[in-house]
Amino acid sequence: MNSYNINKGIGRTVEFRGLKAQYLFIFAGGLLGTLIFVMILYMAGVSNYVCLFLGAGGASLIVWQTFSLNKKYGEHGLMKVGARKRHPRYIICRKPVRRYLKFTPKPKAV
């Protein structure tokens, strides 16, 4: 009879060296964007040292920012901050109060 290992990580978020959830996508996308940016500069004829400096500086900035966001907001905190920005602070009601108090009967279904 065969024995199978049980995957005990079902339902848990993906984690890589402390980075969780959406921070992995930010990390990978940022590094990929930096790589493409440096490649474009190199093909345009910019000096090798300038490309190297901008690539290393951009990559280190992305790594630092991603890990600091992960530490500050946690796994779901960045999504909560984005949702808070889209949520209105207060509701403005410009209709007169008597309009809400007026009774309008519903039409009867035939």
PDB file of N, CA and C in Angstrom:
ATOM      1  N   MET A   1       0.838  -1.180   0.000  1.00  0.00           N
ATOM      2  CA  MET A   1       0.000   0.000   0.000  1.00  0.00           C
ATOM      3  C   MET A   1       0.886   1.248   0.000  1.00  0.00           C
ATOM      4  N   ASN A   2       0.539   2.225  -0.830  1.00  0.00           N
ATOM      5  CA  ASN A   2       1.321   3.452  -0.940  1.00  0.00           C
ATOM      6  C   ASN A   2       1.006   4.390   0.213  1.00  0.00           C
ATOM      7  N   SER A   3       2.004   5.127   0.624  1.00  0.00           N
ATOM      8  CA  SER A   3       1.755   6.175   1.626  1.00  0.00           C
ATOM      9  C   SER A   3       1.997   7.525   0.962  1.00  0.00           C
ATOM     10  N   TYR A   4       1.122   8.474   1.239  1.00  0.00           N
ATOM     11  CA  TYR A   4       1.196   9.791   0.629  1.00  0.00           C
ATOM     12  C   TYR A   4       1.422  10.842   1.704  1.00  0.00           C
ATOM     13  N   ASN A   5       2.209  11.840   1.362  1.00  0.00           N
ATOM     14  CA  ASN A   5       2.408  12.955   2.286  1.00  0.00           C
ATOM     15  C   ASN A   5       1.198  13.867   2.248  1.00  0.00           C
ATOM     16  N   ILE A   6       0.840  14.394   3.398  1.00  0.00           N
ATOM     17  CA  ILE A   6      -0.289  15.311   3.487  1.00  0.00           C
ATOM     18  C   ILE A   6       0.247  16.731   3.417  1.00  0.00           C
ATOM     19  N   ASN A   7      -0.355  17.535   2.547  1.00  0.00           N
ATOM     20  CA  ASN A   7       0.028  18.934   2.432  1.00  0.00           C
ATOM     21  C   ASN A   7      -0.647  19.715   3.554  1.00  0.00           C
ATOM     22  N   LYS A   8       0.144  20.160   4.511  1.00  0.00           N
ATOM     23  CA  LYS A   8      -0.425  20.875   5.651  1.00  0.00           C
ATOM     24  C   LYS A   8      -0.446  22.383   5.436  1.00  0.00           C
ATOM     25  N   GLY A   9      -0.087  22.830   4.250  1.00  0.00           N
ATOM     26  CA  GLY A   9      -0.073  24.256   3.972  1.00  0.00           C
ATOM     27  C   GLY A   9      -1.296  24.725   3.206  1.00  0.00           C
ATOM     28  N   ILE A  10      -2.349  23.911   3.163  1.00  0.00           N
ATOM     29  CA  ILE A  10      -3.544  24.273   2.414  1.00  0.00           C
ATOM     30  C   ILE A  10      -4.234  25.446   3.105  1.00  0.00           C
ATOM     31  N   GLY A  11      -4.583  26.446   2.344  1.00  0.00           N
ATOM     32  CA  GLY A  11      -5.282  27.608   2.879  1.00  0.00           C
ATOM     33  C   GLY A  11      -4.356  28.687   3.403  1.00  0.00           C
ATOM     34  N   ARG A  12      -3.078  28.409   3.515  1.00  0.00           N
ATOM     35  CA  ARG A  12      -2.132  29.419   3.987  1.00  0.00           C
ATOM     36  C   ARG A  12      -1.635  30.241   2.806  1.00  0.00           C
ATOM     37  N   THR A  13      -1.208  31.450   3.091  1.00  0.00           N
ATOM     38  CA  THR A  13      -0.718  32.315   2.024  1.00  0.00           C
ATOM     39  C   THR A  13       0.701  31.916   1.626  1.00  0.00           C
ATOM     40  N   VAL A  14       1.074  32.285   0.425  1.00  0.00           N
ATOM     41  CA  VAL A  14       2.412  32.007  -0.084  1.00  0.00           C
ATOM     42  C   VAL A  14       3.386  32.941   0.616  1.00  0.00           C
ATOM     43  N   GLU A  15       4.530  32.403   0.998  1.00  0.00           N
ATOM     44  CA  GLU A  15       5.531  33.219   1.675  1.00  0.00           C
ATOM     45  C   GLU A  15       6.903  32.887   1.113  1.00  0.00           C
ATOM     46  N   PHE A  16       7.695  33.918   0.867  1.00  0.00           N
ATOM     47  CA  PHE A  16       9.055  33.734   0.376  1.00  0.00           C
ATOM     48  C   PHE A  16       9.961  34.690   1.125  1.00  0.00           C
ATOM     49  N   ARG A  17      10.807  34.149   1.970  1.00  0.00           N
ATOM     50  CA  ARG A  17      11.762  34.929   2.764  1.00  0.00           C
ATOM     51  C   ARG A  17      11.099  36.057   3.541  1.00  0.00           C
ATOM     52  N   GLY A  18       9.941  35.810   4.075  1.00  0.00           N
ATOM     53  CA  GLY A  18       9.239  36.799   4.884  1.00  0.00           C
ATOM     54  C   GLY A  18       8.227  37.629   4.130  1.00  0.00           C
ATOM     55  N   LEU A  19       8.323  37.679   2.805  1.00  0.00           N
ATOM     56  CA  LEU A  19       7.349  38.429   2.017  1.00  0.00           C
ATOM     57  C   LEU A  19       6.092  37.595   1.844  1.00  0.00           C
ATOM     58  N   LYS A  20       4.941  38.190   2.089  1.00  0.00           N
ATOM     59  CA  LYS A  20       3.689  37.456   1.990  1.00  0.00           C
ATOM     60  C   LYS A  20       2.768  38.102   0.966  1.00  0.00           C
ATOM     61  N   ALA A  21       1.922  37.281   0.385  1.00  0.00           N
ATOM     62  CA  ALA A  21       0.787  37.675  -0.453  1.00  0.00           C
ATOM     63  C   ALA A  21       1.182  38.639  -1.561  1.00  0.00           C
ATOM     64  N   GLN A  22       0.540  39.822  -1.595  1.00  0.00           N
ATOM     65  CA  GLN A  22       0.703  40.739  -2.717  1.00  0.00           C
ATOM     66  C   GLN A  22       2.092  41.358  -2.767  1.00  0.00           C
ATOM     67  N   TYR A  23       2.855  41.302  -1.679  1.00  0.00           N
ATOM     68  CA  TYR A  23       4.195  41.880  -1.689  1.00  0.00           C
ATOM     69  C   TYR A  23       5.133  41.094  -2.604  1.00  0.00           C
ATOM     70  N   LEU A  24       4.860  39.814  -2.785  1.00  0.00           N
ATOM     71  CA  LEU A  24       5.658  39.031  -3.736  1.00  0.00           C
ATOM     72  C   LEU A  24       5.488  39.554  -5.154  1.00  0.00           C
ATOM     73  N   PHE A  25       4.252  39.913  -5.508  1.00  0.00           N
ATOM     74  CA  PHE A  25       3.999  40.445  -6.855  1.00  0.00           C
ATOM     75  C   PHE A  25       4.628  41.827  -7.020  1.00  0.00           C
ATOM     76  N   ILE A  26       4.559  42.647  -5.986  1.00  0.00           N
ATOM     77  CA  ILE A  26       5.199  43.969  -6.046  1.00  0.00           C
ATOM     78  C   ILE A  26       6.707  43.802  -6.196  1.00  0.00           C
ATOM     79  N   PHE A  27       7.275  42.886  -5.429  1.00  0.00           N
ATOM     80  CA  PHE A  27       8.709  42.621  -5.465  1.00  0.00           C
ATOM     81  C   PHE A  27       9.155  42.142  -6.850  1.00  0.00           C
ATOM     82  N   ALA A  28       8.477  41.115  -7.367  1.00  0.00           N
ATOM     83  CA  ALA A  28       8.851  40.552  -8.664  1.00  0.00           C
ATOM     84  C   ALA A  28       8.615  41.545  -9.800  1.00  0.00           C
ATOM     85  N   GLY A  29       7.481  42.235  -9.762  1.00  0.00           N
ATOM     86  CA  GLY A  29       7.184  43.216 -10.803  1.00  0.00           C
ATOM     87  C   GLY A  29       8.156  44.383 -10.787  1.00  0.00           C
ATOM     88  N   GLY A  30       8.527  44.828  -9.613  1.00  0.00           N
ATOM     89  CA  GLY A  30       9.485  45.923  -9.507  1.00  0.00           C
ATOM     90  C   GLY A  30      10.857  45.550 -10.024  1.00  0.00           C
ATOM     91  N   LEU A  31      11.320  44.349  -9.673  1.00  0.00           N
ATOM     92  CA  LEU A  31      12.628  43.913 -10.166  1.00  0.00           C
ATOM     93  C   LEU A  31      12.610  43.685 -11.679  1.00  0.00           C
ATOM     94  N   LEU A  32      11.503  43.159 -12.180  1.00  0.00           N
ATOM     95  CA  LEU A  32      11.382  42.963 -13.625  1.00  0.00           C
ATOM     96  C   LEU A  32      11.355  44.314 -14.353  1.00  0.00           C
ATOM     97  N   GLY A  33      10.640  45.273 -13.796  1.00  0.00           N
ATOM     98  CA  GLY A  33      10.601  46.615 -14.380  1.00  0.00           C
ATOM     99  C   GLY A  33      11.969  47.280 -14.371  1.00  0.00           C
ATOM    100  N   THR A  34      12.715  47.102 -13.282  1.00  0.00           N
ATOM    101  CA  THR A  34      14.068  47.659 -13.203  1.00  0.00           C
ATOM    102  C   THR A  34      14.981  47.012 -14.243  1.00  0.00           C
ATOM    103  N   LEU A  35      14.848  45.708 -14.404  1.00  0.00           N
ATOM    104  CA  LEU A  35      15.665  45.003 -15.400  1.00  0.00           C
ATOM    105  C   LEU A  35      15.362  45.503 -16.808  1.00  0.00           C
ATOM    106  N   ILE A  36      14.108  45.655 -17.142  1.00  0.00           N
ATOM    107  CA  ILE A  36      13.722  46.140 -18.473  1.00  0.00           C
ATOM    108  C   ILE A  36      14.205  47.569 -18.679  1.00  0.00           C
ATOM    109  N   PHE A  37      14.097  48.395 -17.638  1.00  0.00           N
ATOM    110  CA  PHE A  37      14.566  49.784 -17.718  1.00  0.00           C
ATOM    111  C   PHE A  37      16.065  49.836 -17.998  1.00  0.00           C
ATOM    112  N   VAL A  38      16.846  49.015 -17.315  1.00  0.00           N
ATOM    113  CA  VAL A  38      18.299  48.987 -17.519  1.00  0.00           C
ATOM    114  C   VAL A  38      18.630  48.453 -18.908  1.00  0.00           C
ATOM    115  N   MET A  39      17.882  47.464 -19.371  1.00  0.00           N
ATOM    116  CA  MET A  39      18.125  46.935 -20.714  1.00  0.00           C
ATOM    117  C   MET A  39      17.863  47.992 -21.783  1.00  0.00           C
ATOM    118  N   ILE A  40      16.809  48.762 -21.611  1.00  0.00           N
ATOM    119  CA  ILE A  40      16.499  49.828 -22.571  1.00  0.00           C
ATOM    120  C   ILE A  40      17.588  50.892 -22.559  1.00  0.00           C
ATOM    121  N   LEU A  41      18.052  51.266 -21.359  1.00  0.00           N
ATOM    122  CA  LEU A  41      19.134  52.247 -21.280  1.00  0.00           C
ATOM    123  C   LEU A  41      20.405  51.722 -21.948  1.00  0.00           C
ATOM    124  N   TYR A  42      20.716  50.452 -21.738  1.00  0.00           N
ATOM    125  CA  TYR A  42      21.927  49.866 -22.330  1.00  0.00           C
ATOM    126  C   TYR A  42      21.834  49.837 -23.850  1.00  0.00           C
ATOM    127  N   MET A  43      20.658  49.485 -24.377  1.00  0.00           N
ATOM    128  CA  MET A  43      20.496  49.450 -25.834  1.00  0.00           C
ATOM    129  C   MET A  43      20.483  50.851 -26.432  1.00  0.00           C
ATOM    130  N   ALA A  44      20.103  51.849 -25.626  1.00  0.00           N
ATOM    131  CA  ALA A  44      20.106  53.222 -26.111  1.00  0.00           C
ATOM    132  C   ALA A  44      21.511  53.810 -26.151  1.00  0.00           C
ATOM    133  N   GLY A  45      22.474  53.116 -25.563  1.00  0.00           N
ATOM    134  CA  GLY A  45      23.854  53.577 -25.636  1.00  0.00           C
ATOM    135  C   GLY A  45      24.328  54.336 -24.420  1.00  0.00           C
ATOM    136  N   VAL A  46      23.621  54.217 -23.316  1.00  0.00           N
ATOM    137  CA  VAL A  46      24.052  54.883 -22.083  1.00  0.00           C
ATOM    138  C   VAL A  46      25.258  54.123 -21.538  1.00  0.00           C
ATOM    139  N   SER A  47      26.117  54.829 -20.821  1.00  0.00           N
ATOM    140  CA  SER A  47      27.334  54.237 -20.273  1.00  0.00           C
ATOM    141  C   SER A  47      27.015  53.027 -19.394  1.00  0.00           C
ATOM    142  N   ASN A  48      27.938  52.061 -19.418  1.00  0.00           N
ATOM    143  CA  ASN A  48      27.753  50.841 -18.621  1.00  0.00           C
ATOM    144  C   ASN A  48      27.679  51.145 -17.129  1.00  0.00           C
ATOM    145  N   TYR A  49      28.488  52.077 -16.673  1.00  0.00           N
ATOM    146  CA  TYR A  49      28.501  52.409 -15.241  1.00  0.00           C
ATOM    147  C   TYR A  49      27.202  53.084 -14.806  1.00  0.00           C
ATOM    148  N   VAL A  50      26.648  53.895 -15.669  1.00  0.00           N
ATOM    149  CA  VAL A  50      25.364  54.533 -15.353  1.00  0.00           C
ATOM    150  C   VAL A  50      24.267  53.477 -15.287  1.00  0.00           C
ATOM    151  N   CYS A  51      24.266  52.550 -16.240  1.00  0.00           N
ATOM    152  CA  CYS A  51      23.279  51.461 -16.223  1.00  0.00           C
ATOM    153  C   CYS A  51      23.433  50.608 -14.977  1.00  0.00           C
ATOM    154  N   LEU A  52      24.668  50.288 -14.624  1.00  0.00           N
ATOM    155  CA  LEU A  52      24.931  49.480 -13.439  1.00  0.00           C
ATOM    156  C   LEU A  52      24.478  50.201 -12.179  1.00  0.00           C
ATOM    157  N   PHE A  53      24.775  51.491 -12.083  1.00  0.00           N
ATOM    158  CA  PHE A  53      24.388  52.275 -10.904  1.00  0.00           C
ATOM    159  C   PHE A  53      22.867  52.382 -10.795  1.00  0.00           C
ATOM    160  N   LEU A  54      22.196  52.686 -11.908  1.00  0.00           N
ATOM    161  CA  LEU A  54      20.736  52.806 -11.867  1.00  0.00           C
ATOM    162  C   LEU A  54      20.060  51.459 -11.599  1.00  0.00           C
ATOM    163  N   GLY A  55      20.604  50.396 -12.156  1.00  0.00           N
ATOM    164  CA  GLY A  55      20.031  49.076 -11.918  1.00  0.00           C
ATOM    165  C   GLY A  55      20.188  48.644 -10.468  1.00  0.00           C
ATOM    166  N   ALA A  56      21.390  48.799  -9.926  1.00  0.00           N
ATOM    167  CA  ALA A  56      21.629  48.399  -8.532  1.00  0.00           C
ATOM    168  C   ALA A  56      20.852  49.302  -7.571  1.00  0.00           C
ATOM    169  N   GLY A  57      20.820  50.589  -7.869  1.00  0.00           N
ATOM    170  CA  GLY A  57      20.072  51.514  -7.004  1.00  0.00           C
ATOM    171  C   GLY A  57      18.575  51.262  -7.041  1.00  0.00           C
ATOM    172  N   GLY A  58      18.038  51.051  -8.238  1.00  0.00           N
ATOM    173  CA  GLY A  58      16.601  50.781  -8.363  1.00  0.00           C
ATOM    174  C   GLY A  58      16.202  49.468  -7.724  1.00  0.00           C
ATOM    175  N   ALA A  59      17.017  48.431  -7.918  1.00  0.00           N
ATOM    176  CA  ALA A  59      16.705  47.123  -7.334  1.00  0.00           C
ATOM    177  C   ALA A  59      16.780  47.172  -5.818  1.00  0.00           C
ATOM    178  N   SER A  60      17.795  47.839  -5.279  1.00  0.00           N
ATOM    179  CA  SER A  60      17.909  47.922  -3.816  1.00  0.00           C
ATOM    180  C   SER A  60      16.766  48.756  -3.233  1.00  0.00           C
ATOM    181  N   LEU A  61      16.339  49.796  -3.935  1.00  0.00           N
ATOM    182  CA  LEU A  61      15.205  50.596  -3.469  1.00  0.00           C
ATOM    183  C   LEU A  61      13.922  49.771  -3.445  1.00  0.00           C
ATOM    184  N   ILE A  62      13.715  48.972  -4.464  1.00  0.00           N
ATOM    185  CA  ILE A  62      12.508  48.131  -4.524  1.00  0.00           C
ATOM    186  C   ILE A  62      12.532  47.077  -3.428  1.00  0.00           C
ATOM    187  N   VAL A  63      13.676  46.456  -3.214  1.00  0.00           N
ATOM    188  CA  VAL A  63      13.787  45.454  -2.152  1.00  0.00           C
ATOM    189  C   VAL A  63      13.514  46.091  -0.800  1.00  0.00           C
ATOM    190  N   TRP A  64      14.124  47.232  -0.539  1.00  0.00           N
ATOM    191  CA  TRP A  64      13.955  47.913   0.749  1.00  0.00           C
ATOM    192  C   TRP A  64      12.509  48.341   0.972  1.00  0.00           C
ATOM    193  N   GLN A  65      11.901  48.947  -0.040  1.00  0.00           N
ATOM    194  CA  GLN A  65      10.513  49.409   0.092  1.00  0.00           C
ATOM    195  C   GLN A  65       9.538  48.252   0.267  1.00  0.00           C
ATOM    196  N   THR A  66       9.743  47.168  -0.459  1.00  0.00           N
ATOM    197  CA  THR A  66       8.839  46.028  -0.362  1.00  0.00           C
ATOM    198  C   THR A  66       8.898  45.403   1.024  1.00  0.00           C
ATOM    199  N   PHE A  67      10.091  45.223   1.554  1.00  0.00           N
ATOM    200  CA  PHE A  67      10.205  44.635   2.884  1.00  0.00           C
ATOM    201  C   PHE A  67       9.686  45.584   3.961  1.00  0.00           C
ATOM    202  N   SER A  68       9.863  46.886   3.786  1.00  0.00           N
ATOM    203  CA  SER A  68       9.337  47.823   4.777  1.00  0.00           C
ATOM    204  C   SER A  68       7.811  47.878   4.734  1.00  0.00           C
ATOM    205  N   LEU A  69       7.214  47.804   3.534  1.00  0.00           N
ATOM    206  CA  LEU A  69       5.744  47.744   3.446  1.00  0.00           C
ATOM    207  C   LEU A  69       5.215  46.463   4.078  1.00  0.00           C
ATOM    208  N   ASN A  70       5.905  45.347   3.854  1.00  0.00           N
ATOM    209  CA  ASN A  70       5.494  44.076   4.441  1.00  0.00           C
ATOM    210  C   ASN A  70       5.557  44.146   5.966  1.00  0.00           C
ATOM    211  N   LYS A  71       6.587  44.766   6.480  1.00  0.00           N
ATOM    212  CA  LYS A  71       6.737  44.884   7.937  1.00  0.00           C
ATOM    213  C   LYS A  71       5.707  45.842   8.528  1.00  0.00           C
ATOM    214  N   LYS A  72       5.421  46.933   7.824  1.00  0.00           N
ATOM    215  CA  LYS A  72       4.513  47.951   8.349  1.00  0.00           C
ATOM    216  C   LYS A  72       3.054  47.516   8.299  1.00  0.00           C
ATOM    217  N   TYR A  73       2.605  46.971   7.165  1.00  0.00           N
ATOM    218  CA  TYR A  73       1.185  46.693   6.977  1.00  0.00           C
ATOM    219  C   TYR A  73       0.811  45.230   7.177  1.00  0.00           C
ATOM    220  N   GLY A  74       1.731  44.313   7.077  1.00  0.00           N
ATOM    221  CA  GLY A  74       1.401  42.906   7.255  1.00  0.00           C
ATOM    222  C   GLY A  74       0.774  42.304   6.007  1.00  0.00           C
ATOM    223  N   GLU A  75       0.132  41.156   6.217  1.00  0.00           N
ATOM    224  CA  GLU A  75      -0.345  40.371   5.084  1.00  0.00           C
ATOM    225  C   GLU A  75      -1.476  41.045   4.313  1.00  0.00           C
ATOM    226  N   HIS A  76      -2.476  41.557   5.008  1.00  0.00           N
ATOM    227  CA  HIS A  76      -3.637  42.141   4.333  1.00  0.00           C
ATOM    228  C   HIS A  76      -3.737  43.648   4.528  1.00  0.00           C
ATOM    229  N   GLY A  77      -2.790  44.258   5.223  1.00  0.00           N
ATOM    230  CA  GLY A  77      -2.879  45.669   5.565  1.00  0.00           C
ATOM    231  C   GLY A  77      -2.838  46.615   4.378  1.00  0.00           C
ATOM    232  N   LEU A  78      -2.080  46.259   3.354  1.00  0.00           N
ATOM    233  CA  LEU A  78      -1.972  47.130   2.188  1.00  0.00           C
ATOM    234  C   LEU A  78      -3.294  47.200   1.441  1.00  0.00           C
ATOM    235  N   MET A  79      -4.018  46.095   1.395  1.00  0.00           N
ATOM    236  CA  MET A  79      -5.342  46.101   0.764  1.00  0.00           C
ATOM    237  C   MET A  79      -6.327  46.914   1.597  1.00  0.00           C
ATOM    238  N   LYS A  80      -6.190  46.862   2.926  1.00  0.00           N
ATOM    239  CA  LYS A  80      -7.069  47.639   3.799  1.00  0.00           C
ATOM    240  C   LYS A  80      -6.825  49.137   3.631  1.00  0.00           C
ATOM    241  N   VAL A  81      -5.578  49.527   3.455  1.00  0.00           N
ATOM    242  CA  VAL A  81      -5.260  50.942   3.225  1.00  0.00           C
ATOM    243  C   VAL A  81      -5.861  51.409   1.908  1.00  0.00           C
ATOM    244  N   GLY A  82      -5.759  50.578   0.870  1.00  0.00           N
ATOM    245  CA  GLY A  82      -6.356  50.926  -0.424  1.00  0.00           C
ATOM    246  C   GLY A  82      -7.865  51.016  -0.352  1.00  0.00           C
ATOM    247  N   ALA A  83      -8.488  50.125   0.426  1.00  0.00           N
ATOM    248  CA  ALA A  83      -9.945  50.157   0.566  1.00  0.00           C
ATOM    249  C   ALA A  83     -10.383  51.373   1.356  1.00  0.00           C
ATOM    250  N   ARG A  84      -9.604  51.769   2.332  1.00  0.00           N
ATOM    251  CA  ARG A  84      -9.942  52.946   3.139  1.00  0.00           C
ATOM    252  C   ARG A  84      -9.927  54.216   2.295  1.00  0.00           C
ATOM    253  N   LYS A  85      -9.044  54.281   1.325  1.00  0.00           N
ATOM    254  CA  LYS A  85      -8.986  55.462   0.459  1.00  0.00           C
ATOM    255  C   LYS A  85     -10.207  55.560  -0.447  1.00  0.00           C
ATOM    256  N   ARG A  86     -10.781  54.414  -0.825  1.00  0.00           N
ATOM    257  CA  ARG A  86     -11.956  54.431  -1.693  1.00  0.00           C
ATOM    258  C   ARG A  86     -13.262  54.586  -0.927  1.00  0.00           C
ATOM    259  N   HIS A  87     -13.219  54.421   0.384  1.00  0.00           N
ATOM    260  CA  HIS A  87     -14.423  54.510   1.207  1.00  0.00           C
ATOM    261  C   HIS A  87     -14.672  55.987   1.553  1.00  0.00           C
ATOM    262  N   PRO A  88     -15.920  56.485   1.391  1.00  0.00           N
ATOM    263  CA  PRO A  88     -16.173  57.889   1.717  1.00  0.00           C
ATOM    264  C   PRO A  88     -16.065  58.140   3.221  1.00  0.00           C
ATOM    265  N   ARG A  89     -15.577  59.311   3.594  1.00  0.00           N
ATOM    266  CA  ARG A  89     -15.440  59.638   5.023  1.00  0.00           C
ATOM    267  C   ARG A  89     -16.791  59.917   5.656  1.00  0.00           C
ATOM    268  N   TYR A  90     -17.668  60.562   4.916  1.00  0.00           N
ATOM    269  CA  TYR A  90     -19.007  60.831   5.411  1.00  0.00           C
ATOM    270  C   TYR A  90     -19.962  60.884   4.231  1.00  0.00           C
ATOM    271  N   ILE A  91     -21.238  60.715   4.523  1.00  0.00           N
ATOM    272  CA  ILE A  91     -22.254  60.702   3.479  1.00  0.00           C
ATOM    273  C   ILE A  91     -22.958  62.048   3.487  1.00  0.00           C
ATOM    274  N   ILE A  92     -23.061  62.665   2.345  1.00  0.00           N
ATOM    275  CA  ILE A  92     -23.733  63.954   2.219  1.00  0.00           C
ATOM    276  C   ILE A  92     -25.136  63.704   1.708  1.00  0.00           C
ATOM    277  N   CYS A  93     -26.103  64.258   2.403  1.00  0.00           N
ATOM    278  CA  CYS A  93     -27.493  64.106   2.018  1.00  0.00           C
ATOM    279  C   CYS A  93     -28.053  65.504   1.768  1.00  0.00           C
ATOM    280  N   ARG A  94     -28.331  65.821   0.522  1.00  0.00           N
ATOM    281  CA  ARG A  94     -28.795  67.157   0.179  1.00  0.00           C
ATOM    282  C   ARG A  94     -30.297  67.221  -0.058  1.00  0.00           C
ATOM    283  N   LYS A  95     -30.996  66.124   0.099  1.00  0.00           N
ATOM    284  CA  LYS A  95     -32.443  66.115  -0.095  1.00  0.00           C
ATOM    285  C   LYS A  95     -33.121  66.596   1.187  1.00  0.00           C
ATOM    286  N   PRO A  96     -34.275  67.226   1.053  1.00  0.00           N
ATOM    287  CA  PRO A  96     -34.976  67.668   2.261  1.00  0.00           C
ATOM    288  C   PRO A  96     -35.495  66.475   3.072  1.00  0.00           C
ATOM    289  N   VAL A  97     -35.587  66.661   4.380  1.00  0.00           N
ATOM    290  CA  VAL A  97     -35.981  65.578   5.281  1.00  0.00           C
ATOM    291  C   VAL A  97     -37.400  65.123   5.002  1.00  0.00           C
ATOM    292  N   ARG A  98     -38.312  66.065   4.670  1.00  0.00           N
ATOM    293  CA  ARG A  98     -39.702  65.674   4.447  1.00  0.00           C
ATOM    294  C   ARG A  98     -39.860  64.737   3.258  1.00  0.00           C
ATOM    295  N   ARG A  99     -38.909  64.741   2.345  1.00  0.00           N
ATOM    296  CA  ARG A  99     -38.978  63.807   1.224  1.00  0.00           C
ATOM    297  C   ARG A  99     -38.805  62.362   1.695  1.00  0.00           C
ATOM    298  N   TYR A 100     -37.982  62.170   2.715  1.00  0.00           N
ATOM    299  CA  TYR A 100     -37.792  60.832   3.267  1.00  0.00           C
ATOM    300  C   TYR A 100     -38.977  60.387   4.116  1.00  0.00           C
ATOM    301  N   LEU A 101     -39.677  61.342   4.699  1.00  0.00           N
ATOM    302  CA  LEU A 101     -40.806  61.022   5.568  1.00  0.00           C
ATOM    303  C   LEU A 101     -42.101  60.832   4.806  1.00  0.00           C
ATOM    304  N   LYS A 102     -42.147  61.244   3.555  1.00  0.00           N
ATOM    305  CA  LYS A 102     -43.375  61.130   2.760  1.00  0.00           C
ATOM    306  C   LYS A 102     -43.630  59.664   2.426  1.00  0.00           C
ATOM    307  N   PHE A 103     -44.868  59.228   2.642  1.00  0.00           N
ATOM    308  CA  PHE A 103     -45.241  57.834   2.410  1.00  0.00           C
ATOM    309  C   PHE A 103     -45.749  57.698   0.973  1.00  0.00           C
ATOM    310  N   THR A 104     -45.166  56.771   0.251  1.00  0.00           N
ATOM    311  CA  THR A 104     -45.624  56.479  -1.116  1.00  0.00           C
ATOM    312  C   THR A 104     -45.991  54.996  -1.167  1.00  0.00           C
ATOM    313  N   PRO A 105     -47.259  54.666  -1.397  1.00  0.00           N
ATOM    314  CA  PRO A 105     -47.657  53.253  -1.423  1.00  0.00           C
ATOM    315  C   PRO A 105     -47.101  52.550  -2.655  1.00  0.00           C
ATOM    316  N   LYS A 106     -46.791  51.276  -2.482  1.00  0.00           N
ATOM    317  CA  LYS A 106     -46.287  50.489  -3.594  1.00  0.00           C
ATOM    318  C   LYS A 106     -47.436  50.068  -4.472  1.00  0.00           C
ATOM    319  N   PRO A 107     -47.242  50.007  -5.778  1.00  0.00           N
ATOM    320  CA  PRO A 107     -48.316  49.539  -6.654  1.00  0.00           C
ATOM    321  C   PRO A 107     -48.570  48.046  -6.433  1.00  0.00           C
ATOM    322  N   LYS A 108     -49.845  47.688  -6.497  1.00  0.00           N
ATOM    323  CA  LYS A 108     -50.213  46.305  -6.248  1.00  0.00           C
ATOM    324  C   LYS A 108     -49.934  45.464  -7.507  1.00  0.00           C
ATOM    325  N   ALA A 109     -49.395  44.278  -7.261  1.00  0.00           N
ATOM    326  CA  ALA A 109     -49.112  43.374  -8.368  1.00  0.00           C
ATOM    327  C   ALA A 109     -50.396  42.670  -8.793  1.00  0.00           C
ATOM    328  N   VAL A 110     -50.630  42.604 -10.087  1.00  0.00           N
ATOM    329  CA  VAL A 110     -51.848  41.984 -10.591  1.00  0.00           C
ATOM    330  C   VAL A 110     -51.569  40.587 -11.068  1.00  0.00           C
TER     331      VAL A 110
END
